[in-house]
Amino acid sequence: MRQNCFGFYAVRGKSLLIPIEKGNEETFLKMLDKIKEQHLDYDGIILIWDNHPAHITPAIERKDAILGICIVNLPT
């Protein structure tokens, strides 16, 4: 069986491994919320991920600014 997952490895805090249906913008917006929910005591969160098209949308940029998550996209 194949299962897509979203993984977040935290150097400090709580790492997450969450099964997902699709890797799309809607899913990643929800994942940003889940990351923030698990790290409310942290002033700054740095998230490093690739340039998947759903990672670099205006909605993602707005959400990360609201949540205080600094997203660093790996070079292509």
PDB file of N, CA and C in Angstrom:
ATOM      1  N   MET A   1       0.839  -1.179   0.000  1.00  0.00           N
ATOM      2  CA  MET A   1       0.000   0.000   0.000  1.00  0.00           C
ATOM      3  C   MET A   1       0.882   1.239   0.000  1.00  0.00           C
ATOM      4  N   ARG A   2       0.504   2.217  -0.740  1.00  0.00           N
ATOM      5  CA  ARG A   2       1.227   3.482  -0.804  1.00  0.00           C
ATOM      6  C   ARG A   2       0.530   4.503   0.092  1.00  0.00           C
ATOM      7  N   GLN A   3       1.329   5.266   0.845  1.00  0.00           N
ATOM      8  CA  GLN A   3       0.769   6.298   1.717  1.00  0.00           C
ATOM      9  C   GLN A   3       1.650   7.533   1.654  1.00  0.00           C
ATOM     10  N   ASN A   4       1.076   8.655   1.223  1.00  0.00           N
ATOM     11  CA  ASN A   4       1.796   9.920   1.246  1.00  0.00           C
ATOM     12  C   ASN A   4       1.787  10.466   2.671  1.00  0.00           C
ATOM     13  N   CYS A   5       2.901  11.076   3.065  1.00  0.00           N
ATOM     14  CA  CYS A   5       3.012  11.643   4.416  1.00  0.00           C
ATOM     15  C   CYS A   5       3.692  12.997   4.350  1.00  0.00           C
ATOM     16  N   PHE A   6       3.386  13.809   5.344  1.00  0.00           N
ATOM     17  CA  PHE A   6       4.081  15.073   5.548  1.00  0.00           C
ATOM     18  C   PHE A   6       4.933  14.888   6.784  1.00  0.00           C
ATOM     19  N   GLY A   7       6.230  15.154   6.639  1.00  0.00           N
ATOM     20  CA  GLY A   7       7.133  15.021   7.772  1.00  0.00           C
ATOM     21  C   GLY A   7       7.757  16.360   8.136  1.00  0.00           C
ATOM     22  N   PHE A   8       7.828  16.621   9.429  1.00  0.00           N
ATOM     23  CA  PHE A   8       8.469  17.825   9.958  1.00  0.00           C
ATOM     24  C   PHE A   8       9.413  17.377  11.053  1.00  0.00           C
ATOM     25  N   TYR A   9      10.708  17.543  10.824  1.00  0.00           N
ATOM     26  CA  TYR A   9      11.706  17.171  11.814  1.00  0.00           C
ATOM     27  C   TYR A   9      12.085  18.414  12.604  1.00  0.00           C
ATOM     28  N   ALA A  10      11.850  18.385  13.897  1.00  0.00           N
ATOM     29  CA  ALA A  10      12.142  19.529  14.759  1.00  0.00           C
ATOM     30  C   ALA A  10      13.459  19.298  15.490  1.00  0.00           C
ATOM     31  N   VAL A  11      14.392  20.229  15.324  1.00  0.00           N
ATOM     32  CA  VAL A  11      15.633  20.167  16.091  1.00  0.00           C
ATOM     33  C   VAL A  11      15.305  20.357  17.567  1.00  0.00           C
ATOM     34  N   ARG A  12      14.413  21.295  17.834  1.00  0.00           N
ATOM     35  CA  ARG A  12      13.829  21.492  19.164  1.00  0.00           C
ATOM     36  C   ARG A  12      12.325  21.489  18.983  1.00  0.00           C
ATOM     37  N   GLY A  13      11.624  20.907  19.924  1.00  0.00           N
ATOM     38  CA  GLY A  13      10.175  20.862  19.781  1.00  0.00           C
ATOM     39  C   GLY A  13       9.712  19.486  19.377  1.00  0.00           C
ATOM     40  N   LYS A  14       8.582  19.439  18.702  1.00  0.00           N
ATOM     41  CA  LYS A  14       7.950  18.168  18.363  1.00  0.00           C
ATOM     42  C   LYS A  14       8.010  17.905  16.867  1.00  0.00           C
ATOM     43  N   SER A  15       8.612  16.784  16.498  1.00  0.00           N
ATOM     44  CA  SER A  15       8.608  16.357  15.101  1.00  0.00           C
ATOM     45  C   SER A  15       7.231  15.786  14.769  1.00  0.00           C
ATOM     46  N   LEU A  16       6.849  15.897  13.511  1.00  0.00           N
ATOM     47  CA  LEU A  16       5.530  15.426  13.080  1.00  0.00           C
ATOM     48  C   LEU A  16       5.660  14.514  11.869  1.00  0.00           C
ATOM     49  N   LEU A  17       4.861  13.486  11.822  1.00  0.00           N
ATOM     50  CA  LEU A  17       4.713  12.643  10.642  1.00  0.00           C
ATOM     51  C   LEU A  17       3.218  12.406  10.475  1.00  0.00           C
ATOM     52  N   ILE A  18       2.643  13.023   9.435  1.00  0.00           N
ATOM     53  CA  ILE A  18       1.192  13.042   9.272  1.00  0.00           C
ATOM     54  C   ILE A  18       0.825  12.459   7.905  1.00  0.00           C
ATOM     55  N   PRO A  19       0.016  11.408   7.881  1.00  0.00           N
ATOM     56  CA  PRO A  19      -0.467  10.890   6.593  1.00  0.00           C
ATOM     57  C   PRO A  19      -1.322  11.947   5.890  1.00  0.00           C
ATOM     58  N   ILE A  20      -1.133  12.085   4.593  1.00  0.00           N
ATOM     59  CA  ILE A  20      -1.908  13.047   3.805  1.00  0.00           C
ATOM     60  C   ILE A  20      -2.466  12.354   2.565  1.00  0.00           C
ATOM     61  N   GLU A  21      -3.538  12.911   2.036  1.00  0.00           N
ATOM     62  CA  GLU A  21      -4.125  12.394   0.794  1.00  0.00           C
ATOM     63  C   GLU A  21      -3.362  12.923  -0.421  1.00  0.00           C
ATOM     64  N   LYS A  22      -3.226  14.250  -0.490  1.00  0.00           N
ATOM     65  CA  LYS A  22      -2.588  14.887  -1.644  1.00  0.00           C
ATOM     66  C   LYS A  22      -1.595  15.935  -1.174  1.00  0.00           C
ATOM     67  N   GLY A  23      -0.536  16.100  -1.933  1.00  0.00           N
ATOM     68  CA  GLY A  23       0.434  17.149  -1.644  1.00  0.00           C
ATOM     69  C   GLY A  23       0.074  18.408  -2.417  1.00  0.00           C
ATOM     70  N   ASN A  24      -0.976  19.093  -1.959  1.00  0.00           N
ATOM     71  CA  ASN A  24      -1.420  20.297  -2.653  1.00  0.00           C
ATOM     72  C   ASN A  24      -1.412  21.494  -1.695  1.00  0.00           C
ATOM     73  N   GLU A  25      -1.738  22.649  -2.207  1.00  0.00           N
ATOM     74  CA  GLU A  25      -1.711  23.870  -1.411  1.00  0.00           C
ATOM     75  C   GLU A  25      -2.576  23.760  -0.157  1.00  0.00           C
ATOM     76  N   GLU A  26      -3.769  23.246  -0.301  1.00  0.00           N
ATOM     77  CA  GLU A  26      -4.681  23.116   0.841  1.00  0.00           C
ATOM     78  C   GLU A  26      -4.061  22.257   1.951  1.00  0.00           C
ATOM     79  N   THR A  27      -3.461  21.145   1.566  1.00  0.00           N
ATOM     80  CA  THR A  27      -2.821  20.265   2.545  1.00  0.00           C
ATOM     81  C   THR A  27      -1.673  20.980   3.249  1.00  0.00           C
ATOM     82  N   PHE A  28      -0.830  21.689   2.491  1.00  0.00           N
ATOM     83  CA  PHE A  28       0.325  22.340   3.096  1.00  0.00           C
ATOM     84  C   PHE A  28      -0.079  23.522   3.982  1.00  0.00           C
ATOM     85  N   LEU A  29      -1.170  24.189   3.655  1.00  0.00           N
ATOM     86  CA  LEU A  29      -1.687  25.230   4.551  1.00  0.00           C
ATOM     87  C   LEU A  29      -2.089  24.620   5.891  1.00  0.00           C
ATOM     88  N   LYS A  30      -2.734  23.463   5.854  1.00  0.00           N
ATOM     89  CA  LYS A  30      -3.112  22.763   7.084  1.00  0.00           C
ATOM     90  C   LYS A  30      -1.875  22.320   7.863  1.00  0.00           C
ATOM     91  N   MET A  31      -0.836  21.896   7.146  1.00  0.00           N
ATOM     92  CA  MET A  31       0.383  21.445   7.808  1.00  0.00           C
ATOM     93  C   MET A  31       1.082  22.605   8.524  1.00  0.00           C
ATOM     94  N   LEU A  32       1.049  23.794   7.925  1.00  0.00           N
ATOM     95  CA  LEU A  32       1.625  24.964   8.601  1.00  0.00           C
ATOM     96  C   LEU A  32       0.894  25.224   9.916  1.00  0.00           C
ATOM     97  N   ASP A  33      -0.434  25.092   9.906  1.00  0.00           N
ATOM     98  CA  ASP A  33      -1.207  25.249  11.139  1.00  0.00           C
ATOM     99  C   ASP A  33      -0.799  24.205  12.177  1.00  0.00           C
ATOM    100  N   LYS A  34      -0.638  22.960  11.748  1.00  0.00           N
ATOM    101  CA  LYS A  34      -0.266  21.881  12.672  1.00  0.00           C
ATOM    102  C   LYS A  34       1.120  22.112  13.262  1.00  0.00           C
ATOM    103  N   ILE A  35       2.047  22.589  12.444  1.00  0.00           N
ATOM    104  CA  ILE A  35       3.389  22.886  12.945  1.00  0.00           C
ATOM    105  C   ILE A  35       3.305  23.962  14.018  1.00  0.00           C
ATOM    106  N   LYS A  36       2.574  25.026  13.732  1.00  0.00           N
ATOM    107  CA  LYS A  36       2.447  26.123  14.697  1.00  0.00           C
ATOM    108  C   LYS A  36       1.754  25.662  15.979  1.00  0.00           C
ATOM    109  N   GLU A  37       0.698  24.876  15.843  1.00  0.00           N
ATOM    110  CA  GLU A  37      -0.032  24.376  17.017  1.00  0.00           C
ATOM    111  C   GLU A  37       0.883  23.600  17.968  1.00  0.00           C
ATOM    112  N   GLN A  38       1.844  22.876  17.414  1.00  0.00           N
ATOM    113  CA  GLN A  38       2.744  22.069  18.235  1.00  0.00           C
ATOM    114  C   GLN A  38       3.924  22.864  18.797  1.00  0.00           C
ATOM    115  N   HIS A  39       4.057  24.132  18.383  1.00  0.00           N
ATOM    116  CA  HIS A  39       5.223  24.928  18.769  1.00  0.00           C
ATOM    117  C   HIS A  39       4.826  26.338  19.196  1.00  0.00           C
ATOM    118  N   LEU A  40       3.750  26.449  19.954  1.00  0.00           N
ATOM    119  CA  LEU A  40       3.261  27.762  20.377  1.00  0.00           C
ATOM    120  C   LEU A  40       4.253  28.502  21.270  1.00  0.00           C
ATOM    121  N   ASP A  41       5.098  27.779  21.978  1.00  0.00           N
ATOM    122  CA  ASP A  41       6.057  28.404  22.887  1.00  0.00           C
ATOM    123  C   ASP A  41       7.302  28.942  22.170  1.00  0.00           C
ATOM    124  N   TYR A  42       7.404  28.704  20.880  1.00  0.00           N
ATOM    125  CA  TYR A  42       8.578  29.126  20.120  1.00  0.00           C
ATOM    126  C   TYR A  42       8.299  30.437  19.387  1.00  0.00           C
ATOM    127  N   ASP A  43       9.218  31.374  19.517  1.00  0.00           N
ATOM    128  CA  ASP A  43       9.067  32.660  18.839  1.00  0.00           C
ATOM    129  C   ASP A  43       9.332  32.549  17.346  1.00  0.00           C
ATOM    130  N   GLY A  44      10.192  31.631  16.968  1.00  0.00           N
ATOM    131  CA  GLY A  44      10.538  31.503  15.563  1.00  0.00           C
ATOM    132  C   GLY A  44      10.593  30.054  15.128  1.00  0.00           C
ATOM    133  N   ILE A  45      10.065  29.781  13.976  1.00  0.00           N
ATOM    134  CA  ILE A  45      10.121  28.452  13.370  1.00  0.00           C
ATOM    135  C   ILE A  45      10.682  28.642  11.975  1.00  0.00           C
ATOM    136  N   ILE A  46      11.702  27.876  11.653  1.00  0.00           N
ATOM    137  CA  ILE A  46      12.273  27.909  10.308  1.00  0.00           C
ATOM    138  C   ILE A  46      11.933  26.582   9.648  1.00  0.00           C
ATOM    139  N   LEU A  47      11.277  26.653   8.514  1.00  0.00           N
ATOM    140  CA  LEU A  47      10.864  25.473   7.767  1.00  0.00           C
ATOM    141  C   LEU A  47      11.624  25.461   6.450  1.00  0.00           C
ATOM    142  N   ILE A  48      12.360  24.397   6.213  1.00  0.00           N
ATOM    143  CA  ILE A  48      13.122  24.260   4.969  1.00  0.00           C
ATOM    144  C   ILE A  48      12.457  23.168   4.144  1.00  0.00           C
ATOM    145  N   TRP A  49      12.056  23.545   2.929  1.00  0.00           N
ATOM    146  CA  TRP A  49      11.482  22.539   2.049  1.00  0.00           C
ATOM    147  C   TRP A  49      11.830  22.823   0.603  1.00  0.00           C
ATOM    148  N   ASP A  50      11.442  21.901  -0.283  1.00  0.00           N
ATOM    149  CA  ASP A  50      11.812  22.020  -1.696  1.00  0.00           C
ATOM    150  C   ASP A  50      10.870  22.981  -2.420  1.00  0.00           C
ATOM    151  N   ASN A  51      11.045  23.085  -3.698  1.00  0.00           N
ATOM    152  CA  ASN A  51      10.251  24.009  -4.514  1.00  0.00           C
ATOM    153  C   ASN A  51       9.051  23.335  -5.158  1.00  0.00           C
ATOM    154  N   HIS A  52       8.421  22.440  -4.440  1.00  0.00           N
ATOM    155  CA  HIS A  52       7.174  21.838  -4.924  1.00  0.00           C
ATOM    156  C   HIS A  52       6.224  22.990  -5.250  1.00  0.00           C
ATOM    157  N   PRO A  53       5.512  22.934  -6.365  1.00  0.00           N
ATOM    158  CA  PRO A  53       4.633  24.046  -6.745  1.00  0.00           C
ATOM    159  C   PRO A  53       3.658  24.473  -5.640  1.00  0.00           C
ATOM    160  N   ALA A  54       3.193  23.546  -4.828  1.00  0.00           N
ATOM    161  CA  ALA A  54       2.254  23.891  -3.761  1.00  0.00           C
ATOM    162  C   ALA A  54       2.936  24.564  -2.574  1.00  0.00           C
ATOM    163  N   HIS A  55       4.265  24.562  -2.541  1.00  0.00           N
ATOM    164  CA  HIS A  55       5.011  25.200  -1.450  1.00  0.00           C
ATOM    165  C   HIS A  55       5.247  26.688  -1.690  1.00  0.00           C
ATOM    166  N   ILE A  56       5.091  27.130  -2.906  1.00  0.00           N
ATOM    167  CA  ILE A  56       5.506  28.500  -3.246  1.00  0.00           C
ATOM    168  C   ILE A  56       4.349  29.320  -3.812  1.00  0.00           C
ATOM    169  N   THR A  57       3.221  29.236  -3.168  1.00  0.00           N
ATOM    170  CA  THR A  57       2.038  29.976  -3.622  1.00  0.00           C
ATOM    171  C   THR A  57       1.840  31.225  -2.757  1.00  0.00           C
ATOM    172  N   PRO A  58       1.122  32.204  -3.269  1.00  0.00           N
ATOM    173  CA  PRO A  58       0.818  33.391  -2.459  1.00  0.00           C
ATOM    174  C   PRO A  58       0.095  33.047  -1.151  1.00  0.00           C
ATOM    175  N   ALA A  59      -0.787  32.057  -1.176  1.00  0.00           N
ATOM    176  CA  ALA A  59      -1.511  31.666   0.051  1.00  0.00           C
ATOM    177  C   ALA A  59      -0.546  31.121   1.096  1.00  0.00           C
ATOM    178  N   ILE A  60       0.434  30.352   0.674  1.00  0.00           N
ATOM    179  CA  ILE A  60       1.451  29.825   1.604  1.00  0.00           C
ATOM    180  C   ILE A  60       2.255  30.982   2.186  1.00  0.00           C
ATOM    181  N   GLU A  61       2.640  31.934   1.344  1.00  0.00           N
ATOM    182  CA  GLU A  61       3.415  33.089   1.823  1.00  0.00           C
ATOM    183  C   GLU A  61       2.623  33.920   2.825  1.00  0.00           C
ATOM    184  N   ARG A  62       1.331  34.088   2.582  1.00  0.00           N
ATOM    185  CA  ARG A  62       0.498  34.833   3.543  1.00  0.00           C
ATOM    186  C   ARG A  62       0.383  34.089   4.864  1.00  0.00           C
ATOM    187  N   LYS A  63       0.165  32.780   4.779  1.00  0.00           N
ATOM    188  CA  LYS A  63      -0.019  31.965   5.980  1.00  0.00           C
ATOM    189  C   LYS A  63       1.253  31.931   6.818  1.00  0.00           C
ATOM    190  N   ASP A  64       2.410  31.774   6.182  1.00  0.00           N
ATOM    191  CA  ASP A  64       3.641  31.711   6.976  1.00  0.00           C
ATOM    192  C   ASP A  64       3.918  33.043   7.669  1.00  0.00           C
ATOM    193  N   ALA A  65       3.559  34.142   7.030  1.00  0.00           N
ATOM    194  CA  ALA A  65       3.736  35.450   7.662  1.00  0.00           C
ATOM    195  C   ALA A  65       2.819  35.598   8.875  1.00  0.00           C
ATOM    196  N   ILE A  66       1.587  35.149   8.755  1.00  0.00           N
ATOM    197  CA  ILE A  66       0.624  35.225   9.864  1.00  0.00           C
ATOM    198  C   ILE A  66       1.089  34.368  11.034  1.00  0.00           C
ATOM    199  N   LEU A  67       1.594  33.172  10.739  1.00  0.00           N
ATOM    200  CA  LEU A  67       1.984  32.228  11.786  1.00  0.00           C
ATOM    201  C   LEU A  67       3.387  32.487  12.341  1.00  0.00           C
ATOM    202  N   GLY A  68       4.154  33.327  11.672  1.00  0.00           N
ATOM    203  CA  GLY A  68       5.519  33.571  12.115  1.00  0.00           C
ATOM    204  C   GLY A  68       6.465  32.430  11.782  1.00  0.00           C
ATOM    205  N   ILE A  69       6.195  31.756  10.682  1.00  0.00           N
ATOM    206  CA  ILE A  69       7.051  30.669  10.222  1.00  0.00           C
ATOM    207  C   ILE A  69       7.893  31.199   9.063  1.00  0.00           C
ATOM    208  N   CYS A  70       9.192  31.077   9.195  1.00  0.00           N
ATOM    209  CA  CYS A  70      10.095  31.500   8.128  1.00  0.00           C
ATOM    210  C   CYS A  70      10.347  30.309   7.221  1.00  0.00           C
ATOM    211  N   ILE A  71       9.922  30.423   5.985  1.00  0.00           N
ATOM    212  CA  ILE A  71      10.097  29.331   5.031  1.00  0.00           C
ATOM    213  C   ILE A  71      11.319  29.609   4.159  1.00  0.00           C
ATOM    214  N   VAL A  72      12.171  28.615   4.079  1.00  0.00           N
ATOM    215  CA  VAL A  72      13.342  28.666   3.209  1.00  0.00           C
ATOM    216  C   VAL A  72      13.153  27.580   2.160  1.00  0.00           C
ATOM    217  N   ASN A  73      13.082  27.987   0.911  1.00  0.00           N
ATOM    218  CA  ASN A  73      12.947  27.021  -0.185  1.00  0.00           C
ATOM    219  C   ASN A  73      14.322  26.641  -0.699  1.00  0.00           C
ATOM    220  N   LEU A  74      14.575  25.345  -0.781  1.00  0.00           N
ATOM    221  CA  LEU A  74      15.845  24.864  -1.321  1.00  0.00           C
ATOM    222  C   LEU A  74      15.976  25.293  -2.779  1.00  0.00           C
ATOM    223  N   PRO A  75      17.193  25.519  -3.236  1.00  0.00           N
ATOM    224  CA  PRO A  75      17.360  25.880  -4.652  1.00  0.00           C
ATOM    225  C   PRO A  75      16.932  24.726  -5.556  1.00  0.00           C
ATOM    226  N   THR A  76      16.492  25.084  -6.752  1.00  0.00           N
ATOM    227  CA  THR A  76      16.068  24.063  -7.697  1.00  0.00           C
ATOM    228  C   THR A  76      17.236  23.249  -8.195  1.00  0.00           C
TER     229      THR A  76
END
